[in-house]
Amino acid sequence: MTDNPEMQDDVKKQALEDVTSEQRKKIVAQIMAQIKKSRENLAIYHLKLEEAKKSDNLVDIDHWSKAANLTSQELDRLEKQIASYDLDRSLIEPSYNYDSPMFCSIKISGAILRKWRLLDNVRNSITNGQTVKDYLGSPVTKQFSTNKGITVQYFERGMLSNKVGSKDVYVVYGPIYLCYRRLGGLESYGWPVSDEIDLGYARRQEFNKGTIYWSKETGAHEVHGSIRDWILEYLDEGYPITDIYPILNDNGAEIGQSCRFKEGAIYCSPSTGCHIVQNNIREDYENKYGGPLGALGFPTSDEMDTPRHTGLYCNFQNGVLVWHPDGSPYAGVSSFIGPMDLYLDRF
């Protein structure tokens, strides 16, 4: 035994933690045994209930419904009790067989199992009061790995995935999940690299090939490439109200892209980069001057204050649009088109 008082305290502290850890493991093991028994009973009650429904036996339907509900409540209580011990349950239960009347028994295991259990503590506006775990529903596939090293498991209303060797597991569900599948899912849009991020006015989720935004007013829309990079760097607030769409010339070749926001529209081309056109200037640019296919071409700057701060202007490949508010001698949108050096001092 060391004579160093500080080392003695460390040894005592570690011994106490070890004892506490062992006690917690024993308690968790006992609770897990109860959970296993309750799950077995619940599976039996569901079968009995289905039989009663087929025979239209109202007495048995009532009896087995109550039995199943009580057992489900007991399972919820046990799950919350075991969570309070803050112990990695995979040490005691490395996998869990989810029994579903529709999809039979499907195993959930490893990092995905741990994440799935944590989702029992997460609720938001998407899940309508349910936990995210309950909202996901039953697993509908076994866990599988892609050739990119991504482990995935699909559920009725979403998916869980993680990169092999990483502890980070991300869940995709709700409207963002539907948009993700519409875009081609894993094969076309890659895998999630974040959970949903609540922006207050909208929700956002990052994927390795793009970003999907969702709001109640506009639904789910995605951005990728240069437009996505511009948004993440310059747009503090706001979200897309359309997907990115191509801009085609008369020959059908793509010469740029655009995406509309509540704040305006972003136009992007290889030679000009990405810029946002807003409000009155945007309306005239698109409706009066034909947008990027018209005389002005693509924007080469965002909107800026005029030198005397009396209005706004935006540069384009072939000219400038300037806006002044009502009451100004230059009220409205003025255009300057053609190869010229434009001096705005008088504005």
Protein backbone atom coordinates (compact mmCIF):
# COMPACT_ATOMS: atom_id res chain seq x y z
CA MET A 1 0.00 0.00 0.00
CA THR A 2 1.42 3.40 -0.94
CA ASP A 3 2.21 6.02 1.70
CA ASN A 4 1.18 8.84 -0.63
CA PRO A 5 -2.19 10.20 0.69
CA GLU A 6 -3.29 11.43 -2.74
CA MET A 7 -2.58 8.04 -4.35
CA GLN A 8 -4.45 6.30 -1.49
CA ASP A 9 -7.48 8.51 -2.18
CA ASP A 10 -7.32 7.66 -5.88
CA VAL A 11 -7.16 3.92 -5.11
CA LYS A 12 -10.15 4.18 -2.75
CA LYS A 13 -12.12 6.22 -5.27
CA GLN A 14 -11.42 3.72 -8.08
CA ALA A 15 -12.38 0.79 -5.81
CA LEU A 16 -15.66 2.52 -4.94
CA GLU A 17 -16.40 3.17 -8.63
CA ASP A 18 -15.66 -0.49 -9.45
CA VAL A 19 -18.04 -1.71 -6.74
CA THR A 20 -20.70 0.72 -7.86
CA SER A 21 -20.25 -0.37 -11.48
CA GLU A 22 -20.59 -4.04 -10.55
CA GLN A 23 -23.71 -3.33 -8.52
CA ARG A 24 -25.22 -1.42 -11.42
CA LYS A 25 -24.46 -4.29 -13.79
CA LYS A 26 -26.23 -6.76 -11.49
CA ILE A 27 -29.27 -4.51 -11.17
CA VAL A 28 -29.40 -3.94 -14.92
CA ALA A 29 -29.10 -7.70 -15.54
CA GLN A 30 -32.10 -8.30 -13.24
CA ILE A 31 -34.16 -5.65 -14.98
CA MET A 32 -33.19 -7.07 -18.38
CA ALA A 33 -34.51 -10.47 -17.29
CA GLN A 34 -37.83 -8.82 -16.43
CA ILE A 35 -37.86 -7.00 -19.76
CA LYS A 36 -37.24 -10.26 -21.63
CA LYS A 37 -40.11 -11.98 -19.82
CA SER A 38 -42.44 -9.04 -20.46
CA ARG A 39 -41.58 -9.07 -24.16
CA GLU A 40 -42.34 -12.78 -24.37
CA ASN A 41 -45.69 -12.19 -22.68
CA LEU A 42 -46.47 -9.26 -24.95
CA ALA A 43 -45.82 -11.38 -28.05
CA ILE A 44 -48.21 -14.04 -26.70
CA TYR A 45 -50.88 -11.45 -25.91
CA HIS A 46 -50.65 -10.00 -29.42
CA LEU A 47 -51.15 -13.46 -30.92
CA LYS A 48 -54.12 -14.11 -28.64
CA LEU A 49 -55.57 -10.74 -29.58
CA GLU A 50 -55.28 -11.49 -33.29
CA GLU A 51 -57.04 -14.83 -32.77
CA ALA A 52 -59.83 -13.10 -30.83
CA LYS A 53 -60.28 -10.53 -33.59
CA LYS A 54 -60.54 -13.25 -36.23
CA SER A 55 -63.28 -15.02 -34.26
CA ASP A 56 -64.92 -11.68 -33.39
CA ASN A 57 -64.93 -12.65 -29.68
CA LEU A 58 -65.52 -9.29 -28.00
CA VAL A 59 -64.84 -10.58 -24.49
CA ASP A 60 -61.46 -12.03 -25.45
CA ILE A 61 -60.62 -8.95 -27.52
CA ASP A 62 -61.19 -6.78 -24.46
CA HIS A 63 -59.24 -9.16 -22.19
CA TRP A 64 -56.14 -9.49 -24.39
CA SER A 65 -56.15 -5.79 -25.31
CA LYS A 66 -55.98 -4.88 -21.64
CA ALA A 67 -53.28 -7.48 -21.01
CA ALA A 68 -51.17 -6.15 -23.91
CA ASN A 69 -51.61 -2.53 -22.83
CA LEU A 70 -50.64 -3.27 -19.22
CA THR A 71 -47.58 -5.21 -20.36
CA SER A 72 -46.57 -2.38 -22.72
CA GLN A 73 -46.82 0.07 -19.83
CA GLU A 74 -44.69 -2.22 -17.68
CA LEU A 75 -42.09 -2.43 -20.45
CA ASP A 76 -41.98 1.37 -20.69
CA ARG A 77 -41.45 1.60 -16.93
CA LEU A 78 -38.63 -0.94 -17.02
CA GLU A 79 -36.99 0.79 -20.00
CA LYS A 80 -36.97 4.12 -18.15
CA GLN A 81 -35.68 2.44 -15.01
CA ILE A 82 -32.78 0.83 -16.83
CA ALA A 83 -31.93 4.07 -18.63
CA SER A 84 -31.49 5.78 -15.24
CA TYR A 85 -28.43 3.59 -14.55
CA ASP A 86 -26.56 5.23 -17.45
CA LEU A 87 -24.90 1.96 -18.45
CA ASP A 88 -23.98 0.80 -21.94
CA ARG A 89 -26.70 -1.81 -22.39
CA SER A 90 -24.87 -3.50 -25.24
CA LEU A 91 -22.62 -5.01 -22.55
CA ILE A 92 -25.64 -6.93 -21.27
CA GLU A 93 -27.90 -7.01 -24.30
CA PRO A 94 -25.69 -6.89 -27.44
CA SER A 95 -28.73 -7.32 -29.67
CA TYR A 96 -32.49 -7.10 -29.51
CA ASN A 97 -35.02 -9.08 -31.53
CA TYR A 98 -37.90 -6.78 -32.46
CA ASP A 99 -41.07 -8.83 -32.84
CA SER A 100 -43.57 -7.29 -35.24
CA PRO A 101 -46.89 -8.89 -36.33
CA MET A 102 -46.24 -7.60 -39.85
CA PHE A 103 -42.47 -7.98 -40.28
CA CYS A 104 -41.81 -10.93 -37.92
CA SER A 105 -38.66 -10.88 -35.77
CA ILE A 106 -35.81 -8.60 -36.88
CA LYS A 107 -32.59 -8.04 -34.94
CA ILE A 108 -31.29 -4.59 -33.96
CA SER A 109 -27.74 -4.55 -32.62
CA GLY A 110 -24.54 -2.64 -31.92
CA ALA A 111 -24.27 1.12 -32.35
CA ILE A 112 -27.63 1.28 -34.13
CA LEU A 113 -29.31 -0.43 -31.15
CA ARG A 114 -27.78 2.10 -28.75
CA LYS A 115 -28.93 5.05 -30.87
CA TRP A 116 -32.41 3.55 -31.31
CA ARG A 117 -32.84 3.31 -27.54
CA LEU A 118 -31.70 6.91 -27.04
CA LEU A 119 -34.42 8.06 -29.44
CA ASP A 120 -36.95 7.02 -26.80
CA ASN A 121 -36.12 10.33 -25.10
CA VAL A 122 -36.53 12.56 -28.18
CA ARG A 123 -39.76 14.26 -29.24
CA ASN A 124 -40.40 17.10 -31.69
CA SER A 125 -43.07 18.63 -33.92
CA ILE A 126 -42.45 16.05 -36.65
CA THR A 127 -43.42 13.08 -34.46
CA ASN A 128 -46.75 14.54 -33.26
CA GLY A 129 -46.03 13.90 -29.59
CA GLN A 130 -44.51 10.45 -30.07
CA THR A 131 -40.90 9.70 -29.31
CA VAL A 132 -38.72 9.41 -32.42
CA LYS A 133 -38.18 5.74 -31.51
CA ASP A 134 -41.94 5.06 -31.57
CA TYR A 135 -42.41 7.20 -34.69
CA LEU A 136 -39.87 5.11 -36.63
CA GLY A 137 -42.03 2.03 -36.11
CA SER A 138 -40.84 -1.50 -36.72
CA PRO A 139 -37.56 -2.37 -38.44
CA VAL A 140 -38.30 -3.64 -41.95
CA THR A 141 -34.81 -4.85 -42.92
CA LYS A 142 -31.88 -6.47 -41.21
CA GLN A 143 -28.77 -4.37 -40.71
CA PHE A 144 -26.53 -4.39 -43.79
CA SER A 145 -23.32 -2.70 -44.90
CA THR A 146 -22.74 -0.93 -48.22
CA ASN A 147 -19.54 -1.00 -50.27
CA LYS A 148 -18.85 2.50 -48.88
CA GLY A 149 -18.60 1.12 -45.35
CA ILE A 150 -21.98 2.39 -44.16
CA THR A 151 -24.12 0.21 -41.86
CA VAL A 152 -27.83 0.80 -42.40
CA GLN A 153 -31.14 -0.41 -41.01
CA TYR A 154 -34.50 0.67 -42.41
CA PHE A 155 -37.65 1.16 -40.34
CA GLU A 156 -41.26 1.81 -41.31
CA ARG A 157 -40.80 5.60 -41.29
CA GLY A 158 -37.07 6.13 -41.48
CA MET A 159 -33.58 4.72 -41.18
CA LEU A 160 -30.55 4.59 -38.89
CA SER A 161 -27.01 4.47 -40.23
CA ASN A 162 -23.40 4.83 -39.20
CA LYS A 163 -20.01 4.61 -40.85
CA VAL A 164 -18.18 1.41 -39.97
CA GLY A 165 -15.72 2.09 -37.16
CA SER A 166 -17.51 5.25 -36.02
CA LYS A 167 -19.62 5.61 -32.87
CA ASP A 168 -21.79 8.26 -34.53
CA VAL A 169 -25.19 6.98 -35.65
CA TYR A 170 -27.65 9.27 -37.43
CA VAL A 171 -31.41 8.93 -37.85
CA VAL A 172 -33.41 10.10 -40.87
CA TYR A 173 -37.20 10.23 -40.63
CA GLY A 174 -40.34 12.17 -41.49
CA PRO A 175 -40.55 14.59 -44.47
CA ILE A 176 -36.77 14.83 -44.79
CA TYR A 177 -36.59 11.03 -45.09
CA LEU A 178 -39.28 11.04 -47.82
CA CYS A 179 -37.32 13.72 -49.75
CA TYR A 180 -34.09 11.73 -49.26
CA ARG A 181 -35.69 8.59 -50.72
CA ARG A 182 -37.15 10.62 -53.61
CA LEU A 183 -33.62 11.80 -54.40
CA GLY A 184 -32.39 8.20 -54.60
CA GLY A 185 -31.32 7.56 -51.01
CA LEU A 186 -27.96 5.95 -50.32
CA GLU A 187 -27.06 5.29 -53.96
CA SER A 188 -27.67 8.82 -55.25
CA TYR A 189 -27.61 11.17 -52.26
CA GLY A 190 -25.17 9.42 -49.97
CA TRP A 191 -25.50 8.90 -46.24
CA PRO A 192 -26.43 11.23 -43.36
CA VAL A 193 -23.59 13.02 -41.58
CA SER A 194 -25.79 14.69 -38.95
CA ASP A 195 -29.12 14.28 -37.23
CA GLU A 196 -31.84 16.82 -37.97
CA ILE A 197 -30.93 20.32 -36.83
CA ASP A 198 -33.78 22.45 -35.47
CA LEU A 199 -33.34 25.99 -36.82
CA GLY A 200 -36.50 27.27 -35.14
CA TYR A 201 -38.05 28.41 -38.43
CA ALA A 202 -37.18 25.17 -40.27
CA ARG A 203 -35.28 21.90 -39.91
CA ARG A 204 -32.11 20.87 -41.74
CA GLN A 205 -30.15 17.65 -42.18
CA GLU A 206 -26.70 17.21 -43.69
CA PHE A 207 -25.78 14.35 -46.05
CA ASN A 208 -22.41 13.72 -47.62
CA LYS A 209 -23.75 14.84 -51.02
CA GLY A 210 -26.13 17.62 -50.02
CA THR A 211 -28.43 19.25 -47.47
CA ILE A 212 -32.19 18.84 -47.08
CA TYR A 213 -34.30 21.58 -45.50
CA TRP A 214 -37.89 21.25 -44.32
CA SER A 215 -40.47 23.75 -43.14
CA LYS A 216 -44.18 23.32 -42.51
CA GLU A 217 -45.00 26.02 -45.06
CA THR A 218 -42.84 24.86 -47.98
CA GLY A 219 -42.11 21.17 -47.41
CA ALA A 220 -38.73 19.50 -47.95
CA HIS A 221 -36.19 20.69 -50.54
CA GLU A 222 -32.54 19.90 -51.16
CA VAL A 223 -29.44 21.85 -52.13
CA HIS A 224 -26.02 20.60 -53.18
CA GLY A 225 -22.76 21.63 -54.80
CA SER A 226 -21.85 25.31 -55.13
CA ILE A 227 -25.29 26.54 -54.09
CA ARG A 228 -25.14 24.49 -50.90
CA ASP A 229 -21.66 25.82 -50.12
CA TRP A 230 -22.83 29.42 -50.68
CA ILE A 231 -25.84 28.95 -48.39
CA LEU A 232 -23.81 27.45 -45.55
CA GLU A 233 -21.25 30.27 -45.77
CA TYR A 234 -23.40 33.34 -46.37
CA LEU A 235 -27.04 32.71 -45.51
CA ASP A 236 -27.49 32.95 -41.74
CA GLU A 237 -31.24 32.39 -41.94
CA GLY A 238 -33.68 31.19 -44.55
CA TYR A 239 -34.29 27.97 -46.42
CA PRO A 240 -35.02 26.85 -49.98
CA ILE A 241 -38.61 26.75 -51.20
CA THR A 242 -37.67 24.81 -54.34
CA ASP A 243 -35.09 22.18 -55.21
CA ILE A 244 -32.13 23.23 -57.33
CA TYR A 245 -33.14 23.37 -61.00
CA PRO A 246 -30.90 23.62 -64.09
CA ILE A 247 -30.74 26.61 -66.42
CA LEU A 248 -30.59 25.42 -70.02
CA ASN A 249 -29.58 27.36 -73.12
CA ASP A 250 -31.35 27.12 -76.50
CA ASN A 251 -29.44 23.91 -77.29
CA GLY A 252 -30.59 22.23 -74.08
CA ALA A 253 -27.14 22.40 -72.47
CA GLU A 254 -26.96 23.25 -68.79
CA ILE A 255 -25.18 26.58 -68.29
CA GLY A 256 -26.01 27.16 -64.63
CA GLN A 257 -28.36 26.44 -61.75
CA SER A 258 -30.85 28.26 -59.57
CA CYS A 259 -32.72 27.75 -56.32
CA ARG A 260 -35.48 29.90 -54.90
CA PHE A 261 -35.66 31.07 -51.29
CA LYS A 262 -38.14 33.17 -49.37
CA GLU A 263 -35.45 35.86 -49.42
CA GLY A 264 -34.86 35.69 -53.16
CA ALA A 265 -33.25 33.44 -55.76
CA ILE A 266 -29.69 32.16 -55.99
CA TYR A 267 -28.19 31.95 -59.47
CA CYS A 268 -24.97 30.07 -60.09
CA SER A 269 -22.75 29.48 -63.13
CA PRO A 270 -19.15 28.24 -63.54
CA SER A 271 -17.88 31.66 -64.64
CA THR A 272 -19.80 33.89 -62.19
CA GLY A 273 -20.14 31.77 -59.06
CA CYS A 274 -23.26 31.96 -56.88
CA HIS A 275 -25.13 35.17 -56.05
CA ILE A 276 -28.53 36.00 -54.58
CA VAL A 277 -30.96 38.39 -56.29
CA GLN A 278 -33.73 39.77 -54.11
CA ASN A 279 -36.98 41.70 -53.89
CA ASN A 280 -37.77 44.29 -56.61
CA ILE A 281 -34.50 43.74 -58.48
CA ARG A 282 -35.25 40.01 -58.68
CA GLU A 283 -38.78 40.61 -59.95
CA ASP A 284 -37.60 42.85 -62.78
CA TYR A 285 -34.58 40.66 -63.55
CA GLU A 286 -36.76 37.57 -64.01
CA ASN A 287 -39.98 39.03 -65.40
CA LYS A 288 -38.79 42.03 -67.42
CA TYR A 289 -35.25 41.11 -68.48
CA GLY A 290 -35.58 37.33 -68.92
CA GLY A 291 -33.37 36.21 -66.05
CA PRO A 292 -29.98 34.60 -66.82
CA LEU A 293 -31.05 33.77 -70.40
CA GLY A 294 -31.92 37.42 -71.09
CA ALA A 295 -29.85 40.45 -71.94
CA LEU A 296 -28.29 40.80 -68.47
CA GLY A 297 -26.96 37.24 -68.12
CA PHE A 298 -26.05 35.83 -64.70
CA PRO A 299 -25.53 38.02 -61.62
CA THR A 300 -21.89 38.71 -60.75
CA SER A 301 -22.56 40.17 -57.29
CA ASP A 302 -25.12 40.05 -54.51
CA GLU A 303 -27.27 43.13 -53.88
CA MET A 304 -25.27 46.04 -52.43
CA ASP A 305 -25.96 49.55 -51.17
CA THR A 306 -25.46 52.36 -53.65
CA PRO A 307 -22.55 54.66 -52.74
CA ARG A 308 -24.87 57.21 -51.09
CA HIS A 309 -26.91 54.46 -49.38
CA THR A 310 -30.12 55.62 -51.02
CA GLY A 311 -30.86 52.36 -52.83
CA LEU A 312 -29.59 48.94 -53.85
CA TYR A 313 -27.90 47.61 -56.97
CA CYS A 314 -26.79 44.25 -58.38
CA ASN A 315 -24.17 43.63 -61.04
CA PHE A 316 -24.75 41.23 -63.92
CA GLN A 317 -22.57 39.91 -66.76
CA ASN A 318 -23.95 42.50 -69.16
CA GLY A 319 -25.18 45.35 -67.00
CA VAL A 320 -26.54 46.61 -63.69
CA LEU A 321 -29.96 46.89 -62.06
CA VAL A 322 -30.47 49.68 -59.51
CA TRP A 323 -33.44 50.06 -57.17
CA HIS A 324 -34.61 53.10 -55.19
CA PRO A 325 -37.61 53.30 -52.86
CA ASP A 326 -40.77 55.35 -53.43
CA GLY A 327 -40.17 59.04 -52.85
CA SER A 328 -36.74 58.96 -54.45
CA PRO A 329 -36.24 60.84 -57.76
CA TYR A 330 -35.00 57.50 -59.09
CA ALA A 331 -37.83 55.39 -57.58
CA GLY A 332 -38.20 51.86 -58.93
CA VAL A 333 -35.73 49.67 -60.79
CA SER A 334 -33.44 51.21 -63.41
CA SER A 335 -31.36 49.20 -65.86
CA PHE A 336 -27.97 49.88 -67.41
CA ILE A 337 -27.24 47.29 -70.07
CA GLY A 338 -24.22 46.90 -72.32
CA PRO A 339 -20.43 47.21 -72.15
CA MET A 340 -19.93 50.38 -70.11
CA ASP A 341 -18.17 51.75 -67.06
CA LEU A 342 -20.97 52.68 -64.67
CA TYR A 343 -20.42 55.28 -61.95
CA LEU A 344 -23.06 55.31 -59.23
CA ASP A 345 -21.88 58.35 -57.26
CA ARG A 346 -25.03 60.29 -58.10
CA PHE A 347 -27.16 57.52 -56.56
